[in-house]
N, C-alpha and C. Protein backbone atom coordinates (compact mmCIF):
# COMPACT_ATOMS: atom_id res chain seq x y z
N MET A 1 1.07 15.93 13.23
CA MET A 1 0.51 15.44 11.98
C MET A 1 -1.00 15.62 12.01
N SER A 2 -1.56 15.53 10.85
CA SER A 2 -3.01 15.67 10.73
C SER A 2 -3.71 14.39 11.16
N VAL A 3 -4.96 14.52 11.53
CA VAL A 3 -5.74 13.38 12.02
C VAL A 3 -5.77 12.25 11.00
N PHE A 4 -5.97 12.57 9.73
CA PHE A 4 -6.06 11.52 8.72
C PHE A 4 -4.73 10.80 8.55
N THR A 5 -3.62 11.50 8.74
CA THR A 5 -2.30 10.88 8.65
C THR A 5 -2.10 9.93 9.83
N HIS A 6 -2.48 10.37 11.02
CA HIS A 6 -2.39 9.51 12.19
C HIS A 6 -3.24 8.26 12.00
N PHE A 7 -4.44 8.42 11.47
CA PHE A 7 -5.32 7.27 11.25
C PHE A 7 -4.68 6.30 10.27
N ALA A 8 -4.17 6.81 9.15
CA ALA A 8 -3.57 5.94 8.14
C ALA A 8 -2.36 5.19 8.70
N ALA A 9 -1.51 5.88 9.43
CA ALA A 9 -0.32 5.24 10.01
C ALA A 9 -0.72 4.19 11.04
N GLY A 10 -1.68 4.51 11.89
CA GLY A 10 -2.14 3.54 12.88
C GLY A 10 -2.78 2.33 12.23
N ALA A 11 -3.62 2.57 11.24
CA ALA A 11 -4.26 1.47 10.52
C ALA A 11 -3.22 0.59 9.83
N LEU A 12 -2.22 1.23 9.22
CA LEU A 12 -1.15 0.48 8.57
C LEU A 12 -0.41 -0.39 9.60
N ALA A 13 -0.09 0.18 10.74
CA ALA A 13 0.59 -0.59 11.79
C ALA A 13 -0.28 -1.75 12.25
N GLY A 14 -1.58 -1.51 12.39
CA GLY A 14 -2.51 -2.58 12.77
C GLY A 14 -2.61 -3.66 11.72
N SER A 15 -2.42 -3.28 10.48
CA SER A 15 -2.42 -4.25 9.38
C SER A 15 -1.16 -5.11 9.40
N LEU A 16 -0.04 -4.49 9.72
CA LEU A 16 1.24 -5.21 9.73
C LEU A 16 1.45 -6.02 11.00
N ILE A 17 0.82 -5.59 12.09
CA ILE A 17 0.88 -6.32 13.37
C ILE A 17 -0.57 -6.62 13.76
N PRO A 18 -1.15 -7.67 13.18
CA PRO A 18 -2.60 -7.90 13.33
C PRO A 18 -3.00 -8.51 14.68
N ASN A 19 -2.70 -7.80 15.75
CA ASN A 19 -3.05 -8.26 17.09
C ASN A 19 -3.97 -7.22 17.72
N PRO A 20 -5.27 -7.54 17.85
CA PRO A 20 -6.20 -6.54 18.39
C PRO A 20 -5.91 -6.12 19.83
N PHE A 21 -5.21 -6.95 20.59
CA PHE A 21 -4.87 -6.58 21.96
C PHE A 21 -3.71 -5.59 22.01
N ALA A 22 -2.81 -5.68 21.04
CA ALA A 22 -1.68 -4.76 20.97
C ALA A 22 -2.05 -3.48 20.21
N ALA A 23 -3.11 -3.53 19.43
CA ALA A 23 -3.48 -2.43 18.54
C ALA A 23 -3.58 -1.06 19.22
N PRO A 24 -4.22 -0.95 20.39
CA PRO A 24 -4.28 0.38 21.02
C PRO A 24 -2.89 0.96 21.32
N PHE A 25 -1.99 0.11 21.79
CA PHE A 25 -0.62 0.57 22.09
C PHE A 25 0.14 0.93 20.82
N ILE A 26 -0.09 0.14 19.78
CA ILE A 26 0.55 0.40 18.48
C ILE A 26 0.06 1.74 17.93
N GLY A 27 -1.24 1.97 18.02
CA GLY A 27 -1.81 3.22 17.53
C GLY A 27 -1.28 4.43 18.29
N LEU A 28 -1.27 4.35 19.60
CA LEU A 28 -0.75 5.47 20.40
C LEU A 28 0.74 5.69 20.13
N GLY A 29 1.48 4.61 20.00
CA GLY A 29 2.91 4.73 19.70
C GLY A 29 3.16 5.37 18.35
N SER A 30 2.34 5.00 17.36
CA SER A 30 2.53 5.60 16.03
C SER A 30 2.23 7.10 16.08
N HIS A 31 1.27 7.49 16.90
CA HIS A 31 0.94 8.91 17.03
C HIS A 31 2.14 9.68 17.59
N LEU A 32 2.72 9.13 18.63
CA LEU A 32 3.86 9.77 19.27
C LEU A 32 5.03 9.91 18.29
N LEU A 33 5.32 8.85 17.56
CA LEU A 33 6.42 8.89 16.58
C LEU A 33 6.17 9.91 15.48
N LEU A 34 4.97 9.93 14.94
CA LEU A 34 4.67 10.88 13.86
C LEU A 34 4.73 12.33 14.34
N ASP A 35 4.31 12.56 15.56
CA ASP A 35 4.32 13.94 16.05
C ASP A 35 5.73 14.48 16.27
N MET A 36 6.71 13.60 16.34
CA MET A 36 8.09 14.06 16.50
C MET A 36 8.70 14.51 15.17
N ILE A 37 8.08 14.14 14.07
CA ILE A 37 8.56 14.54 12.74
C ILE A 37 8.12 15.97 12.47
N PRO A 38 9.00 16.82 11.95
CA PRO A 38 8.57 18.18 11.60
C PRO A 38 7.39 18.14 10.62
N HIS A 39 6.38 18.95 10.89
CA HIS A 39 5.17 18.93 10.05
C HIS A 39 4.36 20.20 10.27
N LYS A 40 3.35 20.34 9.42
CA LYS A 40 2.41 21.46 9.55
C LYS A 40 1.02 20.86 9.69
N ASP A 41 0.26 21.40 10.61
CA ASP A 41 -1.12 20.98 10.79
C ASP A 41 -2.04 21.94 10.03
N PHE A 42 -3.22 21.47 9.70
CA PHE A 42 -4.22 22.33 9.08
C PHE A 42 -4.65 23.40 10.07
N GLU A 43 -4.86 24.59 9.58
CA GLU A 43 -5.39 25.65 10.44
C GLU A 43 -6.84 25.36 10.81
N ASP A 44 -7.60 24.82 9.86
CA ASP A 44 -9.02 24.53 10.06
C ASP A 44 -9.18 23.04 10.36
N TYR A 45 -9.47 22.71 11.60
CA TYR A 45 -9.57 21.31 12.01
C TYR A 45 -10.69 20.58 11.28
N ARG A 46 -11.68 21.30 10.77
CA ARG A 46 -12.79 20.65 10.07
C ARG A 46 -12.32 19.96 8.79
N ILE A 47 -11.33 20.54 8.12
CA ILE A 47 -10.77 19.91 6.92
C ILE A 47 -10.12 18.58 7.30
N GLU A 48 -9.37 18.59 8.40
CA GLU A 48 -8.74 17.35 8.87
C GLU A 48 -9.77 16.27 9.15
N ILE A 49 -10.86 16.65 9.80
CA ILE A 49 -11.89 15.68 10.16
C ILE A 49 -12.55 15.11 8.90
N VAL A 50 -12.84 15.96 7.94
CA VAL A 50 -13.44 15.49 6.68
C VAL A 50 -12.51 14.51 5.98
N LEU A 51 -11.21 14.84 5.89
CA LEU A 51 -10.27 13.95 5.23
C LEU A 51 -10.10 12.64 6.00
N TRP A 52 -10.19 12.69 7.32
CA TRP A 52 -10.13 11.48 8.14
C TRP A 52 -11.33 10.58 7.84
N VAL A 53 -12.52 11.17 7.80
CA VAL A 53 -13.73 10.40 7.51
C VAL A 53 -13.64 9.79 6.11
N VAL A 54 -13.14 10.54 5.14
CA VAL A 54 -12.96 10.02 3.78
C VAL A 54 -12.01 8.82 3.80
N ALA A 55 -10.91 8.93 4.54
CA ALA A 55 -9.94 7.82 4.63
C ALA A 55 -10.59 6.59 5.26
N MET A 56 -11.39 6.79 6.32
CA MET A 56 -12.06 5.65 6.96
C MET A 56 -13.07 5.01 6.03
N ILE A 57 -13.85 5.83 5.34
CA ILE A 57 -14.85 5.30 4.41
C ILE A 57 -14.16 4.51 3.29
N ALA A 58 -13.07 5.04 2.76
CA ALA A 58 -12.34 4.35 1.69
C ALA A 58 -11.83 3.00 2.18
N LEU A 59 -11.29 2.98 3.38
CA LEU A 59 -10.76 1.74 3.95
C LEU A 59 -11.86 0.70 4.12
N PHE A 60 -12.98 1.11 4.69
CA PHE A 60 -14.09 0.20 4.90
C PHE A 60 -14.73 -0.22 3.58
N ALA A 61 -14.94 0.73 2.68
CA ALA A 61 -15.54 0.41 1.38
C ALA A 61 -14.64 -0.55 0.59
N GLY A 62 -13.33 -0.42 0.77
CA GLY A 62 -12.39 -1.30 0.08
C GLY A 62 -12.22 -2.64 0.75
N GLY A 63 -12.88 -2.85 1.88
CA GLY A 63 -12.82 -4.13 2.58
C GLY A 63 -11.52 -4.36 3.33
N ALA A 64 -10.76 -3.32 3.55
CA ALA A 64 -9.45 -3.46 4.22
C ALA A 64 -9.57 -3.09 5.69
N TYR A 65 -10.23 -3.96 6.46
CA TYR A 65 -10.37 -3.66 7.87
C TYR A 65 -10.40 -4.95 8.68
N SER A 66 -9.95 -4.84 9.90
CA SER A 66 -9.99 -5.91 10.89
C SER A 66 -10.03 -5.20 12.24
N TRP A 67 -10.18 -5.96 13.31
CA TRP A 67 -10.18 -5.34 14.63
C TRP A 67 -8.87 -4.61 14.88
N ALA A 68 -7.75 -5.24 14.51
CA ALA A 68 -6.45 -4.62 14.75
C ALA A 68 -6.30 -3.32 13.96
N ILE A 69 -6.74 -3.32 12.72
CA ILE A 69 -6.64 -2.13 11.87
C ILE A 69 -7.50 -1.00 12.43
N VAL A 70 -8.74 -1.31 12.75
CA VAL A 70 -9.66 -0.29 13.25
C VAL A 70 -9.19 0.27 14.59
N LEU A 71 -8.82 -0.62 15.53
CA LEU A 71 -8.38 -0.17 16.85
C LEU A 71 -7.10 0.65 16.78
N ALA A 72 -6.12 0.17 16.02
CA ALA A 72 -4.86 0.91 15.91
C ALA A 72 -5.10 2.26 15.25
N GLY A 73 -5.94 2.30 14.22
CA GLY A 73 -6.25 3.56 13.55
C GLY A 73 -6.95 4.55 14.48
N LEU A 74 -7.93 4.07 15.23
CA LEU A 74 -8.66 4.96 16.14
C LEU A 74 -7.81 5.42 17.31
N PHE A 75 -7.01 4.52 17.87
CA PHE A 75 -6.15 4.92 18.98
C PHE A 75 -5.03 5.85 18.51
N ALA A 76 -4.67 5.77 17.24
CA ALA A 76 -3.68 6.71 16.70
C ALA A 76 -4.26 8.11 16.61
N VAL A 77 -5.57 8.21 16.44
CA VAL A 77 -6.26 9.50 16.34
C VAL A 77 -6.61 10.06 17.73
N LEU A 78 -6.85 9.18 18.68
CA LEU A 78 -7.35 9.58 20.00
C LEU A 78 -6.61 10.75 20.65
N PRO A 79 -5.27 10.78 20.64
CA PRO A 79 -4.59 11.91 21.30
C PRO A 79 -4.95 13.27 20.70
N ASP A 80 -5.35 13.30 19.44
CA ASP A 80 -5.68 14.59 18.84
C ASP A 80 -7.05 15.11 19.26
N LEU A 81 -7.77 14.33 20.06
CA LEU A 81 -9.00 14.86 20.64
C LEU A 81 -8.67 16.06 21.52
N GLU A 82 -7.54 16.00 22.23
CA GLU A 82 -7.19 17.15 23.05
C GLU A 82 -6.76 18.34 22.19
N ASN A 83 -6.21 18.09 21.00
CA ASN A 83 -5.93 19.20 20.08
C ASN A 83 -7.23 19.88 19.66
N LEU A 84 -8.24 19.06 19.37
CA LEU A 84 -9.54 19.60 19.00
C LEU A 84 -10.12 20.42 20.14
N LEU A 85 -10.03 19.89 21.35
CA LEU A 85 -10.55 20.63 22.52
C LEU A 85 -9.80 21.94 22.72
N GLN A 86 -8.50 21.93 22.44
CA GLN A 86 -7.71 23.17 22.59
C GLN A 86 -8.07 24.17 21.49
N LYS A 87 -8.23 23.68 20.25
CA LYS A 87 -8.56 24.57 19.14
C LYS A 87 -9.94 25.19 19.29
N THR A 88 -10.84 24.47 19.96
CA THR A 88 -12.19 25.02 20.16
C THR A 88 -12.31 25.81 21.46
N GLY A 89 -11.20 25.95 22.19
CA GLY A 89 -11.19 26.75 23.40
C GLY A 89 -11.71 26.05 24.64
N THR A 90 -11.92 24.74 24.56
CA THR A 90 -12.43 23.98 25.70
C THR A 90 -11.34 23.78 26.76
N ILE A 91 -10.11 23.55 26.30
CA ILE A 91 -8.98 23.43 27.23
C ILE A 91 -7.86 24.36 26.77
N ARG A 92 -6.96 24.67 27.69
CA ARG A 92 -5.79 25.48 27.35
C ARG A 92 -4.64 24.55 26.93
N ARG A 93 -3.68 25.09 26.24
CA ARG A 93 -2.51 24.32 25.80
C ARG A 93 -1.79 23.67 26.98
N ASP A 94 -1.71 24.36 28.10
CA ASP A 94 -1.01 23.81 29.26
C ASP A 94 -1.80 22.70 29.97
N GLN A 95 -3.02 22.44 29.54
CA GLN A 95 -3.83 21.37 30.12
C GLN A 95 -3.74 20.06 29.33
N MET A 96 -3.00 20.08 28.23
CA MET A 96 -2.86 18.87 27.42
C MET A 96 -2.05 17.83 28.19
N ILE A 97 -2.41 16.54 28.00
CA ILE A 97 -1.75 15.49 28.77
C ILE A 97 -0.95 14.50 27.93
N PHE A 98 -1.23 14.37 26.64
CA PHE A 98 -0.50 13.39 25.82
C PHE A 98 0.96 13.81 25.73
N PRO A 99 1.89 12.88 25.95
CA PRO A 99 3.32 13.24 25.99
C PRO A 99 3.83 14.04 24.78
N GLY A 100 3.35 13.74 23.60
CA GLY A 100 3.80 14.47 22.41
C GLY A 100 3.20 15.86 22.29
N HIS A 101 2.18 16.15 23.08
CA HIS A 101 1.53 17.46 23.02
C HIS A 101 1.94 18.37 24.17
N ARG A 102 2.39 17.78 25.27
CA ARG A 102 2.80 18.58 26.44
C ARG A 102 4.15 19.21 26.17
N LYS A 103 4.23 20.47 26.40
CA LYS A 103 5.49 21.19 26.17
C LYS A 103 6.56 20.70 27.14
N GLY A 104 7.71 20.35 26.57
CA GLY A 104 8.85 19.96 27.37
C GLY A 104 8.95 18.49 27.71
N PHE A 105 7.91 17.69 27.50
CA PHE A 105 7.96 16.28 27.87
C PHE A 105 8.64 15.47 26.77
N ILE A 106 8.04 15.41 25.62
CA ILE A 106 8.64 14.80 24.43
C ILE A 106 8.52 15.84 23.34
N ARG A 107 9.62 16.12 22.70
CA ARG A 107 9.64 17.22 21.73
C ARG A 107 8.72 16.94 20.54
N HIS A 108 7.83 17.88 20.31
CA HIS A 108 6.94 17.85 19.16
C HIS A 108 7.72 18.38 17.98
N GLY A 109 7.51 17.78 16.80
CA GLY A 109 8.22 18.24 15.61
C GLY A 109 7.97 19.71 15.33
N ARG A 110 9.01 20.40 14.88
CA ARG A 110 8.85 21.82 14.56
C ARG A 110 7.88 21.98 13.39
N GLU A 111 7.31 23.16 13.30
CA GLU A 111 6.36 23.43 12.22
C GLU A 111 7.09 23.67 10.92
N THR A 112 6.55 23.11 9.85
CA THR A 112 7.15 23.25 8.52
C THR A 112 6.17 23.96 7.59
N GLY A 113 6.49 23.95 6.33
CA GLY A 113 5.66 24.61 5.33
C GLY A 113 4.49 23.78 4.84
N VAL A 114 3.77 24.34 3.90
CA VAL A 114 2.57 23.70 3.33
C VAL A 114 2.92 22.38 2.65
N TRP A 115 4.14 22.24 2.16
CA TRP A 115 4.54 21.00 1.50
C TRP A 115 4.30 19.79 2.40
N SER A 116 4.38 19.99 3.71
CA SER A 116 4.14 18.90 4.65
C SER A 116 2.71 18.39 4.55
N VAL A 117 1.77 19.29 4.38
CA VAL A 117 0.36 18.90 4.25
C VAL A 117 0.17 18.07 2.98
N VAL A 118 0.81 18.49 1.90
CA VAL A 118 0.73 17.74 0.64
C VAL A 118 1.30 16.34 0.83
N LEU A 119 2.45 16.25 1.49
CA LEU A 119 3.06 14.93 1.75
C LEU A 119 2.15 14.06 2.61
N GLN A 120 1.47 14.66 3.56
CA GLN A 120 0.56 13.89 4.42
C GLN A 120 -0.61 13.33 3.61
N VAL A 121 -1.14 14.13 2.69
CA VAL A 121 -2.25 13.66 1.84
C VAL A 121 -1.75 12.52 0.94
N VAL A 122 -0.57 12.68 0.36
CA VAL A 122 0.00 11.64 -0.50
C VAL A 122 0.24 10.37 0.32
N PHE A 123 0.87 10.50 1.49
CA PHE A 123 1.14 9.35 2.35
C PHE A 123 -0.15 8.61 2.67
N THR A 124 -1.16 9.34 3.12
CA THR A 124 -2.44 8.72 3.49
C THR A 124 -3.07 8.01 2.30
N THR A 125 -3.04 8.63 1.14
CA THR A 125 -3.61 8.02 -0.06
C THR A 125 -2.88 6.73 -0.42
N VAL A 126 -1.56 6.77 -0.41
CA VAL A 126 -0.77 5.58 -0.74
C VAL A 126 -1.04 4.46 0.25
N VAL A 127 -1.08 4.79 1.53
CA VAL A 127 -1.33 3.77 2.56
C VAL A 127 -2.71 3.14 2.38
N ILE A 128 -3.73 3.95 2.20
CA ILE A 128 -5.09 3.43 2.05
C ILE A 128 -5.20 2.56 0.80
N VAL A 129 -4.66 3.02 -0.32
CA VAL A 129 -4.70 2.22 -1.56
C VAL A 129 -3.96 0.90 -1.38
N TRP A 130 -2.77 0.97 -0.77
CA TRP A 130 -1.99 -0.24 -0.55
C TRP A 130 -2.73 -1.23 0.35
N MET A 131 -3.35 -0.71 1.41
CA MET A 131 -4.09 -1.60 2.32
C MET A 131 -5.29 -2.22 1.65
N ILE A 132 -5.97 -1.48 0.80
CA ILE A 132 -7.12 -2.05 0.08
C ILE A 132 -6.64 -3.13 -0.88
N ARG A 133 -5.56 -2.90 -1.57
CA ARG A 133 -5.04 -3.93 -2.49
C ARG A 133 -4.54 -5.15 -1.74
N ARG A 134 -3.96 -4.92 -0.58
CA ARG A 134 -3.40 -6.03 0.20
C ARG A 134 -4.48 -6.80 0.99
N ASN A 135 -5.38 -6.08 1.61
CA ASN A 135 -6.34 -6.71 2.53
C ASN A 135 -7.76 -6.77 2.00
N GLY A 136 -8.09 -5.96 1.04
CA GLY A 136 -9.47 -5.84 0.58
C GLY A 136 -9.91 -6.94 -0.35
């Protein structure tokens, strides 16, 4: 999944389970679960980063944040740091360590069409709007 989708899902989980001590585990778990769903990632990681920043700004501007939301959202994004390092040539694919990214450890969802990207944008938008209405 895209970075902004991982952030939205992690933040949502942190909102529903408002425990800042559990938030990092909730965020990492949400990342693993989402990566098992068939999806398509953006070819240009910069677009993902911009949309992630927009989602974070919207959440904060809407007043929908707490320690649990922020931590779960950030920890949901954290595993994709190694995707960024791989896309920029800093590490090789076989050097990835997150279970959902390592080949053969936990199956990563197969790649799908562009419709997946559209669904991810819609999902993220709905989650952010819902969280602002609920928590903001």
